[in-house]
């Protein structure tokens, strides 16, 4: 089976999330190519319709899989068939106008195979018969490692606690100012680290080096950072967004907060920093079938059904 991934190529050559999913499909025997959309804003995306249409006429694929809504709009207008659409979170949660546009394209182009990353996104987008399929985790990559060894490899300061904010703090939807405010309330000396220009394969060192993983996102689909950190057995403090509460439910060392309140978050950070040992997060991920091999099989089932129709 040959599948074409259509996705934005503005920030990355191929985003780590998209590439990880593509690699899992390749491991399962699927041939995956990438068509990266270059160009920002409506004008930039519209400018890719004709080139993509030309590309599709010159190359045969059993399925075209568009990642994020804007890529799906371009693929639809370029005549991509059969088309699978993945809505990742930001495109659903950001603005009402985006959700209305998604519903419009779904109705006009009759999207039959829509994937969202969590039940919450399915309820928010309000489109019938969507598939809820989170991104899978590479269990071979994300494993528990010796914390001191990882800190030494990264050159982190000794004798202090380390908090990992697993995102770029400049991204507004991650709400780093709230994290900053919470951290300032701690009595313990801490150093905060981020994911900025960090290769995806190196993030396992950051998870294992950290004393706690801290998220204050305004919204999430199905947080890859949370699932990866769980596989590394790390304590987590997060707001109740996306499917994070569902993923961490019953896992000691994971603290989920409903209110966007700095003091409450700081109290949970203190508990997480006092947590000893590793969590049983990995067992929870495996039990939920969120390894990348299982998720790849679910995607392939959708591709086959889509191609047959």
Protein backbone atom coordinates (compact mmCIF):
# COMPACT_ATOMS: atom_id res chain seq x y z
CA UNK A 1 0.00 0.00 0.00
CA UNK A 2 1.25 3.47 -0.93
CA UNK A 3 0.22 6.45 1.20
CA UNK A 4 0.97 10.14 0.71
CA UNK A 5 1.21 12.33 3.81
CA UNK A 6 0.28 15.96 3.14
CA UNK A 7 1.39 18.33 5.90
CA UNK A 8 2.91 21.72 6.60
CA UNK A 9 6.62 22.06 5.91
CA UNK A 10 7.05 25.59 7.20
CA UNK A 11 8.54 24.87 10.63
CA UNK A 12 10.11 21.46 9.99
CA UNK A 13 11.18 19.47 6.97
CA UNK A 14 8.71 16.95 8.43
CA UNK A 15 7.31 17.52 11.92
CA UNK A 16 8.45 14.96 14.53
CA UNK A 17 4.85 13.90 15.19
CA UNK A 18 4.07 13.32 11.51
CA UNK A 19 7.41 11.59 10.90
CA UNK A 20 6.95 9.28 13.89
CA UNK A 21 3.56 8.19 12.58
CA UNK A 22 4.98 7.70 9.09
CA UNK A 23 7.85 5.61 10.44
CA UNK A 24 5.45 3.37 12.37
CA UNK A 25 3.53 2.70 9.15
CA UNK A 26 6.73 1.97 7.24
CA UNK A 27 7.67 -0.56 9.94
CA UNK A 28 4.26 -2.18 9.32
CA UNK A 29 4.96 -2.51 5.60
CA UNK A 30 3.30 0.61 4.22
CA UNK A 31 5.14 2.78 1.69
CA UNK A 32 4.89 6.41 2.85
CA UNK A 33 5.82 9.56 0.89
CA UNK A 34 5.58 13.16 2.08
CA UNK A 35 4.24 16.24 0.31
CA UNK A 36 5.20 19.23 2.45
CA UNK A 37 3.27 22.46 1.99
CA UNK A 38 5.54 25.50 1.89
CA UNK A 39 3.91 28.86 2.40
CA UNK A 40 2.23 30.60 5.30
CA UNK A 41 -1.27 31.98 5.67
CA UNK A 42 -4.25 31.49 3.38
CA UNK A 43 -2.39 32.79 0.33
CA UNK A 44 0.53 30.44 0.91
CA UNK A 45 -1.71 27.39 1.26
CA UNK A 46 -3.92 28.29 -1.71
CA UNK A 47 -0.78 28.59 -3.81
CA UNK A 48 -0.12 24.87 -3.21
CA UNK A 49 -3.40 23.60 -4.69
CA UNK A 50 -2.23 23.53 -8.31
CA UNK A 51 1.22 22.01 -7.58
CA UNK A 52 -0.37 19.28 -5.44
CA UNK A 53 -2.98 18.55 -8.13
CA UNK A 54 -0.16 18.19 -10.67
CA UNK A 55 1.82 15.96 -8.30
CA UNK A 56 -1.17 13.67 -7.73
CA UNK A 57 -1.70 13.27 -11.48
CA UNK A 58 1.92 12.21 -11.88
CA UNK A 59 2.04 9.84 -8.89
CA UNK A 60 -0.33 7.09 -7.81
CA UNK A 61 -1.27 6.57 -4.15
CA UNK A 62 -3.81 4.26 -2.59
CA UNK A 63 -4.60 6.86 0.07
CA UNK A 64 -3.79 10.51 0.74
CA UNK A 65 -3.56 11.37 4.45
CA UNK A 66 -3.71 15.09 5.28
CA UNK A 67 -2.46 16.23 8.68
CA UNK A 68 -4.11 19.33 10.20
CA UNK A 69 -7.10 21.11 8.71
CA UNK A 70 -5.26 23.54 6.41
CA UNK A 71 -3.44 20.68 4.69
CA UNK A 72 -6.79 18.91 4.33
CA UNK A 73 -8.30 21.98 2.63
CA UNK A 74 -5.46 22.03 0.10
CA UNK A 75 -5.72 18.28 -0.50
CA UNK A 76 -9.50 18.51 -0.98
CA UNK A 77 -9.26 21.40 -3.45
CA UNK A 78 -6.46 19.57 -5.29
CA UNK A 79 -8.78 16.59 -5.80
CA UNK A 80 -6.99 14.12 -3.52
CA UNK A 81 -8.94 10.85 -3.35
CA UNK A 82 -9.37 8.78 -1.31
CA UNK A 83 -8.60 11.23 1.49
CA UNK A 84 -8.03 10.66 5.20
CA UNK A 85 -8.00 13.77 7.40
CA UNK A 86 -6.29 14.05 10.79
CA UNK A 87 -7.38 16.93 13.04
CA UNK A 88 -4.68 17.35 15.66
CA UNK A 89 -6.05 19.71 18.32
CA UNK A 90 -5.02 23.28 17.58
CA UNK A 91 -7.12 23.36 14.42
CA UNK A 92 -10.22 22.29 16.39
CA UNK A 93 -9.72 24.15 19.67
CA UNK A 94 -8.27 27.46 18.51
CA UNK A 95 -11.20 29.42 17.03
CA UNK A 96 -14.88 28.93 16.28
CA UNK A 97 -14.26 30.02 12.69
CA UNK A 98 -11.83 27.13 12.22
CA UNK A 99 -14.40 24.60 13.42
CA UNK A 100 -17.01 26.09 11.09
CA UNK A 101 -14.58 25.85 8.16
CA UNK A 102 -13.83 22.22 9.02
CA UNK A 103 -17.56 21.42 9.05
CA UNK A 104 -18.02 23.24 5.73
CA UNK A 105 -15.28 21.25 4.00
CA UNK A 106 -16.54 18.04 5.58
CA UNK A 107 -20.00 18.67 4.13
CA UNK A 108 -18.93 19.89 0.68
CA UNK A 109 -16.14 17.37 0.07
CA UNK A 110 -17.80 14.56 2.04
CA UNK A 111 -14.84 13.67 4.21
CA UNK A 112 -15.59 10.08 5.20
CA UNK A 113 -12.45 9.32 7.15
CA UNK A 114 -11.70 11.89 9.84
CA UNK A 115 -9.30 11.11 12.68
CA UNK A 116 -9.16 13.09 15.93
CA UNK A 117 -6.77 12.50 18.80
CA UNK A 118 -9.20 12.39 21.73
CA UNK A 119 -12.85 12.00 22.66
CA UNK A 120 -12.89 15.66 23.70
CA UNK A 121 -11.88 16.75 20.19
CA UNK A 122 -14.62 14.54 18.72
CA UNK A 123 -17.18 16.29 20.93
CA UNK A 124 -15.79 19.73 20.09
CA UNK A 125 -15.65 19.35 16.31
CA UNK A 126 -19.22 17.99 16.25
CA UNK A 127 -18.89 15.79 13.19
CA UNK A 128 -20.47 12.35 13.19
CA UNK A 129 -18.56 9.12 12.76
CA UNK A 130 -15.03 10.40 13.44
CA UNK A 131 -12.30 7.96 14.46
CA UNK A 132 -10.61 8.63 17.82
CA UNK A 133 -7.00 7.50 17.37
CA UNK A 134 -4.25 9.11 19.51
CA UNK A 135 -0.67 9.09 18.30
CA UNK A 136 1.21 6.01 19.41
CA UNK A 137 4.40 5.94 21.49
CA UNK A 138 7.65 4.30 20.46
CA UNK A 139 8.15 1.92 23.38
CA UNK A 140 11.66 1.07 22.20
CA UNK A 141 12.77 4.71 22.35
CA UNK A 142 10.93 6.00 25.40
CA UNK A 143 12.17 3.91 28.32
CA UNK A 144 13.21 4.59 31.89
CA UNK A 145 16.91 5.51 32.18
CA UNK A 146 19.29 6.44 34.98
CA UNK A 147 18.42 10.02 35.94
CA UNK A 148 21.92 11.10 37.00
CA UNK A 149 23.45 9.69 33.83
CA UNK A 150 20.95 11.63 31.70
CA UNK A 151 21.60 14.84 33.64
CA UNK A 152 25.33 14.39 33.13
CA UNK A 153 24.88 13.88 29.38
CA UNK A 154 22.82 17.08 29.16
CA UNK A 155 25.15 19.04 31.45
CA UNK A 156 22.42 19.94 33.90
CA UNK A 157 23.28 21.57 37.22
CA UNK A 158 23.73 19.28 40.20
CA UNK A 159 22.13 19.72 43.60
CA UNK A 160 18.89 21.28 42.34
CA UNK A 161 15.53 20.00 41.15
CA UNK A 162 14.79 20.06 37.42
CA UNK A 163 11.41 20.80 35.84
CA UNK A 164 10.80 20.02 32.17
CA UNK A 165 8.30 22.17 30.29
CA UNK A 166 8.07 19.92 27.19
CA UNK A 167 7.32 22.58 24.57
CA UNK A 168 8.56 25.85 23.15
CA UNK A 169 7.60 28.49 25.76
CA UNK A 170 6.90 30.95 22.93
CA UNK A 171 3.87 28.97 21.79
CA UNK A 172 0.87 30.85 23.26
CA UNK A 173 -1.36 27.78 23.57
CA UNK A 174 1.19 26.20 25.96
CA UNK A 175 0.74 29.14 28.39
CA UNK A 176 4.26 29.26 29.80
CA UNK A 177 3.49 32.46 31.82
CA UNK A 178 1.18 30.38 34.03
CA UNK A 179 3.92 27.76 34.47
CA UNK A 180 6.39 30.51 35.33
CA UNK A 181 4.03 31.98 37.92
CA UNK A 182 3.53 28.54 39.51
CA UNK A 183 7.25 27.77 39.66
CA UNK A 184 7.98 31.09 41.39
CA UNK A 185 5.78 29.97 44.30
CA UNK A 186 7.95 26.92 45.05
CA UNK A 187 10.16 26.86 48.14
CA UNK A 188 12.60 24.50 46.43
CA UNK A 189 15.35 25.73 44.12
CA UNK A 190 14.54 24.51 40.62
CA UNK A 191 15.82 24.91 37.07
CA UNK A 192 13.34 24.87 34.19
CA UNK A 193 14.12 23.28 30.84
CA UNK A 194 12.28 23.39 27.50
CA UNK A 195 12.04 21.64 24.15
CA UNK A 196 13.72 24.15 21.86
CA UNK A 197 15.72 22.81 18.92
CA UNK A 198 15.76 19.36 20.54
CA UNK A 199 15.82 16.38 18.18
CA UNK A 200 12.89 14.06 18.90
CA UNK A 201 15.15 11.07 19.55
CA UNK A 202 16.98 13.10 22.23
CA UNK A 203 13.83 14.04 24.16
CA UNK A 204 14.06 10.74 26.07
CA UNK A 205 17.16 12.13 27.82
CA UNK A 206 15.23 15.23 28.90
CA UNK A 207 12.30 13.23 30.26
CA UNK A 208 14.55 10.95 32.27
CA UNK A 209 16.76 13.79 33.53
CA UNK A 210 13.79 15.78 34.83
CA UNK A 211 12.31 15.46 38.32
CA UNK A 212 8.87 16.38 37.01
CA UNK A 213 7.20 17.06 33.66
CA UNK A 214 5.02 20.19 33.81
CA UNK A 215 2.30 21.21 31.33
CA UNK A 216 0.00 24.24 31.50
CA UNK A 217 -1.51 24.04 28.01
CA UNK A 218 -4.73 25.88 27.22
CA UNK A 219 -5.71 22.87 25.12
CA UNK A 220 -4.33 19.59 23.86
CA UNK A 221 -5.53 16.81 21.62
CA UNK A 222 -3.70 13.80 22.98
CA UNK A 223 -0.42 15.05 24.42
CA UNK A 224 2.54 13.12 23.04
CA UNK A 225 4.75 14.58 25.77
CA UNK A 226 2.55 13.12 28.50
CA UNK A 227 2.49 9.66 26.92
CA UNK A 228 6.24 9.68 26.31
CA UNK A 229 6.97 10.88 29.85
CA UNK A 230 4.71 8.15 31.23
CA UNK A 231 6.68 5.53 29.30
CA UNK A 232 9.83 6.89 30.96
CA UNK A 233 8.18 6.57 34.39
CA UNK A 234 8.39 10.27 35.20
CA UNK A 235 6.09 12.23 37.56
CA UNK A 236 3.76 14.64 35.77
CA UNK A 237 1.83 17.77 36.73
CA UNK A 238 -0.66 19.01 34.16
CA UNK A 239 -3.86 20.89 33.70
CA UNK A 240 -6.90 18.82 32.78
CA UNK A 241 -6.85 19.31 29.01
CA UNK A 242 -7.27 16.92 26.08
CA UNK A 243 -7.13 13.29 27.19
CA UNK A 244 -4.41 13.80 29.83
CA UNK A 245 -6.67 12.93 32.77
CA UNK A 246 -7.84 9.78 30.98
CA UNK A 247 -4.26 8.71 30.21
CA UNK A 248 -2.88 9.29 33.71
CA UNK A 249 -5.90 8.07 35.70
CA UNK A 250 -4.79 5.78 38.51
CA UNK A 251 -1.07 6.39 37.95
CA UNK A 252 0.58 7.42 41.21
CA UNK A 253 2.94 10.36 40.71
CA UNK A 254 0.75 12.04 38.09
CA UNK A 255 -1.20 15.08 39.31
CA UNK A 256 -3.96 16.63 37.18
CA UNK A 257 -5.37 20.06 38.06
CA UNK A 258 -8.71 21.43 36.85
CA UNK A 259 -8.28 25.10 37.78
CA UNK A 260 -5.84 27.37 35.97
CA UNK A 261 -4.53 28.47 39.34
CA UNK A 262 -0.81 29.02 40.00
CA UNK A 263 -1.01 28.23 43.72
CA UNK A 264 -2.78 24.88 43.15
CA UNK A 265 -0.29 23.97 40.45
CA UNK A 266 2.62 24.87 42.75
CA UNK A 267 1.21 22.57 45.45
CA UNK A 268 1.02 19.71 42.95
CA UNK A 269 4.56 20.44 41.77
CA UNK A 270 5.75 20.12 45.36
CA UNK A 271 4.08 16.70 45.64
CA UNK A 272 5.57 15.57 42.33
CA UNK A 273 9.05 16.74 43.33
CA UNK A 274 8.74 14.70 46.53
CA UNK A 275 7.70 11.58 44.60
CA UNK A 276 10.34 8.87 44.80
CA UNK A 277 11.09 6.22 42.21
CA UNK A 278 9.45 5.80 38.84
CA UNK A 279 5.73 5.79 38.10
CA UNK A 280 3.77 2.94 36.53
CA UNK A 281 2.92 5.13 33.57
CA UNK A 282 4.49 2.75 31.09
CA UNK A 283 2.18 -0.07 32.15
CA UNK A 284 -0.82 2.26 31.70
CA UNK A 285 0.23 3.18 28.15
CA UNK A 286 0.78 -0.46 27.18
CA UNK A 287 -2.55 -1.51 28.72
CA UNK A 288 -4.35 1.23 26.74
CA UNK A 289 -2.87 -0.04 23.47
CA UNK A 290 -1.09 3.24 22.77
CA UNK A 291 2.14 1.79 21.46
CA UNK A 292 2.91 2.88 17.91
CA UNK A 293 2.57 -0.63 16.43
CA UNK A 294 -1.03 -0.98 17.65
CA UNK A 295 -1.92 2.53 16.46
CA UNK A 296 -0.34 1.82 13.04
CA UNK A 297 -2.59 -1.22 12.67
CA UNK A 298 -5.65 0.94 13.36
CA UNK A 299 -4.56 3.44 10.71
CA UNK A 300 -3.98 0.69 8.17
CA UNK A 301 -7.51 -0.61 8.76
CA UNK A 302 -8.85 2.85 7.94
CA UNK A 303 -6.66 3.10 4.85
CA UNK A 304 -7.87 -0.27 3.55
CA UNK A 305 -11.50 0.61 4.11
CA UNK A 306 -10.97 4.00 2.49
CA UNK A 307 -9.18 2.53 -0.54
CA UNK A 308 -11.81 -0.17 -1.06
CA UNK A 309 -14.63 2.36 -1.07
